[in-house]
Amino acid sequence: MKDVTVTKRRRSWEWRVTDENGRPIMGGRERSRLAARYQGYRTLFMLLAIGPRPHEMQALRGGRIGQTVARDRPHPVVRTAPSASAGPGSDGFAPE
């Protein structure tokens, strides 16, 4: 069973969602206890709503939660700045 824990950390509150073995799945920090509790249970609800995914379950069994999941996702598109030779106001587009 997944569990939500909220602990006091200096000036903030830390929330954590853990799996059956106590390994953290997700976590974060909030300024108030109420906000941390809300975010923890909101995350737990979202995890339960999407259900188990086969490739993530294999990653959990192997202890490689971040590696396998990140490898399966496509790389983000990187946009570069327009070239300086295009001139001001042209936004890098040349008429055909």
C-alpha atoms as a PDB file:
ATOM      1  CA  MET A   1       0.000   0.000   0.000  1.00  0.00           C
ATOM      2  CA  LYS A   2       1.298   3.447  -0.877  1.00  0.00           C
ATOM      3  CA  ASP A   3       1.709   5.912   1.968  1.00  0.00           C
ATOM      4  CA  VAL A   4       1.979   9.697   2.399  1.00  0.00           C
ATOM      5  CA  THR A   5       4.276  11.137   5.078  1.00  0.00           C
ATOM      6  CA  VAL A   6       4.630  14.772   6.079  1.00  0.00           C
ATOM      7  CA  THR A   7       7.606  15.875   8.200  1.00  0.00           C
ATOM      8  CA  LYS A   8       8.832  19.223   9.494  1.00  0.00           C
ATOM      9  CA  ARG A   9      12.126  20.408   7.953  1.00  0.00           C
ATOM     10  CA  ARG A  10      13.404  23.691   9.402  1.00  0.00           C
ATOM     11  CA  ARG A  11      11.050  26.323   7.983  1.00  0.00           C
ATOM     12  CA  SER A  12       9.213  24.064   5.546  1.00  0.00           C
ATOM     13  CA  TRP A  13       7.256  20.831   5.502  1.00  0.00           C
ATOM     14  CA  GLU A  14       8.400  17.888   3.396  1.00  0.00           C
ATOM     15  CA  TRP A  15       5.911  15.433   1.898  1.00  0.00           C
ATOM     16  CA  ARG A  16       6.745  12.029   0.474  1.00  0.00           C
ATOM     17  CA  VAL A  17       4.743   9.303  -1.249  1.00  0.00           C
ATOM     18  CA  THR A  18       6.311   5.885  -0.672  1.00  0.00           C
ATOM     19  CA  ASP A  19       5.601   2.439  -2.077  1.00  0.00           C
ATOM     20  CA  GLU A  20       4.947  -0.784  -0.184  1.00  0.00           C
ATOM     21  CA  ASN A  21       8.636  -1.237   0.648  1.00  0.00           C
ATOM     22  CA  GLY A  22       9.106   2.323   1.928  1.00  0.00           C
ATOM     23  CA  ARG A  23      10.978   3.530  -1.159  1.00  0.00           C
ATOM     24  CA  PRO A  24      10.078   7.122  -2.133  1.00  0.00           C
ATOM     25  CA  ILE A  25       8.118   7.535  -5.357  1.00  0.00           C
ATOM     26  CA  MET A  26       7.618  11.308  -5.289  1.00  0.00           C
ATOM     27  CA  GLY A  27       8.193  14.121  -2.842  1.00  0.00           C
ATOM     28  CA  GLY A  28       8.386  17.845  -2.359  1.00  0.00           C
ATOM     29  CA  ARG A  29       8.383  20.742   0.093  1.00  0.00           C
ATOM     30  CA  GLU A  30       5.764  23.291   1.005  1.00  0.00           C
ATOM     31  CA  ARG A  31       5.682  26.237   3.398  1.00  0.00           C
ATOM     32  CA  SER A  32       2.713  25.053   5.438  1.00  0.00           C
ATOM     33  CA  ARG A  33       1.759  21.660   6.835  1.00  0.00           C
ATOM     34  CA  LEU A  34      -1.676  21.876   5.274  1.00  0.00           C
ATOM     35  CA  ALA A  35      -0.223  22.571   1.809  1.00  0.00           C
ATOM     36  CA  ALA A  36       2.267  19.693   2.159  1.00  0.00           C
ATOM     37  CA  ARG A  37      -0.492  17.311   3.211  1.00  0.00           C
ATOM     38  CA  TYR A  38      -2.654  18.434   0.297  1.00  0.00           C
ATOM     39  CA  GLN A  39       0.142  17.972  -2.271  1.00  0.00           C
ATOM     40  CA  GLY A  40       1.045  14.561  -0.860  1.00  0.00           C
ATOM     41  CA  TYR A  41      -2.489  13.232  -1.069  1.00  0.00           C
ATOM     42  CA  ARG A  42      -3.018  14.887  -4.453  1.00  0.00           C
ATOM     43  CA  THR A  43       0.047  13.077  -5.791  1.00  0.00           C
ATOM     44  CA  LEU A  44      -1.129   9.793  -4.273  1.00  0.00           C
ATOM     45  CA  PHE A  45      -4.516  10.215  -5.956  1.00  0.00           C
ATOM     46  CA  MET A  46      -2.896  10.928  -9.333  1.00  0.00           C
ATOM     47  CA  LEU A  47      -0.653   7.870  -9.005  1.00  0.00           C
ATOM     48  CA  LEU A  48      -3.640   5.687  -8.186  1.00  0.00           C
ATOM     49  CA  ALA A  49      -5.671   7.224 -11.025  1.00  0.00           C
ATOM     50  CA  ILE A  50      -3.117   6.392 -13.733  1.00  0.00           C
ATOM     51  CA  GLY A  51      -2.606   2.860 -12.429  1.00  0.00           C
ATOM     52  CA  PRO A  52       0.488   0.718 -12.774  1.00  0.00           C
ATOM     53  CA  ARG A  53       2.410   0.926 -16.029  1.00  0.00           C
ATOM     54  CA  PRO A  54       4.326  -2.172 -17.167  1.00  0.00           C
ATOM     55  CA  HIS A  55       7.667  -0.451 -17.924  1.00  0.00           C
ATOM     56  CA  GLU A  56       7.581   1.469 -14.631  1.00  0.00           C
ATOM     57  CA  MET A  57       6.820  -1.689 -12.675  1.00  0.00           C
ATOM     58  CA  GLN A  58       9.918  -3.343 -14.191  1.00  0.00           C
ATOM     59  CA  ALA A  59      11.960  -0.293 -13.200  1.00  0.00           C
ATOM     60  CA  LEU A  60      10.635  -0.505  -9.639  1.00  0.00           C
ATOM     61  CA  ARG A  61      11.540  -4.189  -9.371  1.00  0.00           C
ATOM     62  CA  GLY A  62      15.054  -3.544 -10.656  1.00  0.00           C
ATOM     63  CA  GLY A  63      15.595  -0.474  -8.476  1.00  0.00           C
ATOM     64  CA  ARG A  64      16.151   1.760 -11.517  1.00  0.00           C
ATOM     65  CA  ILE A  65      13.131   4.049 -11.246  1.00  0.00           C
ATOM     66  CA  GLY A  66      14.663   7.136 -12.891  1.00  0.00           C
ATOM     67  CA  GLN A  67      16.856   5.458 -15.488  1.00  0.00           C
ATOM     68  CA  THR A  68      14.406   3.234 -17.361  1.00  0.00           C
ATOM     69  CA  VAL A  69      11.525   5.712 -17.385  1.00  0.00           C
ATOM     70  CA  ALA A  70      13.711   8.595 -18.596  1.00  0.00           C
ATOM     71  CA  ARG A  71      15.242   6.449 -21.347  1.00  0.00           C
ATOM     72  CA  ASP A  72      11.811   5.553 -22.780  1.00  0.00           C
ATOM     73  CA  ARG A  73      10.797   9.188 -23.247  1.00  0.00           C
ATOM     74  CA  PRO A  74      11.731  11.091 -26.416  1.00  0.00           C
ATOM     75  CA  HIS A  75      14.278  13.879 -26.090  1.00  0.00           C
ATOM     76  CA  PRO A  76      12.844  17.410 -25.749  1.00  0.00           C
ATOM     77  CA  VAL A  77      13.004  19.747 -28.722  1.00  0.00           C
ATOM     78  CA  VAL A  78      15.672  22.399 -28.274  1.00  0.00           C
ATOM     79  CA  ARG A  79      15.012  25.701 -29.995  1.00  0.00           C
ATOM     80  CA  THR A  80      17.963  27.832 -30.940  1.00  0.00           C
ATOM     81  CA  ALA A  81      18.140  31.585 -31.274  1.00  0.00           C
ATOM     82  CA  PRO A  82      17.777  33.044 -34.782  1.00  0.00           C
ATOM     83  CA  SER A  83      21.045  33.699 -36.585  1.00  0.00           C
ATOM     84  CA  ALA A  84      22.605  37.144 -36.326  1.00  0.00           C
ATOM     85  CA  SER A  85      22.880  37.417 -40.124  1.00  0.00           C
ATOM     86  CA  ALA A  86      19.108  37.512 -40.505  1.00  0.00           C
ATOM     87  CA  GLY A  87      19.001  41.089 -39.267  1.00  0.00           C
ATOM     88  CA  PRO A  88      16.771  42.760 -36.693  1.00  0.00           C
ATOM     89  CA  GLY A  89      13.042  42.254 -36.965  1.00  0.00           C
ATOM     90  CA  SER A  90      13.166  39.309 -39.344  1.00  0.00           C
ATOM     91  CA  ASP A  91      13.055  36.676 -36.571  1.00  0.00           C
ATOM     92  CA  GLY A  92      15.319  34.438 -38.606  1.00  0.00           C
ATOM     93  CA  PHE A  93      12.802  33.859 -41.410  1.00  0.00           C
ATOM     94  CA  ALA A  94      13.743  34.566 -45.004  1.00  0.00           C
ATOM     95  CA  PRO A  95      11.069  35.064 -47.699  1.00  0.00           C
ATOM     96  CA  GLU A  96      10.989  32.394 -50.384  1.00  0.00           C
END
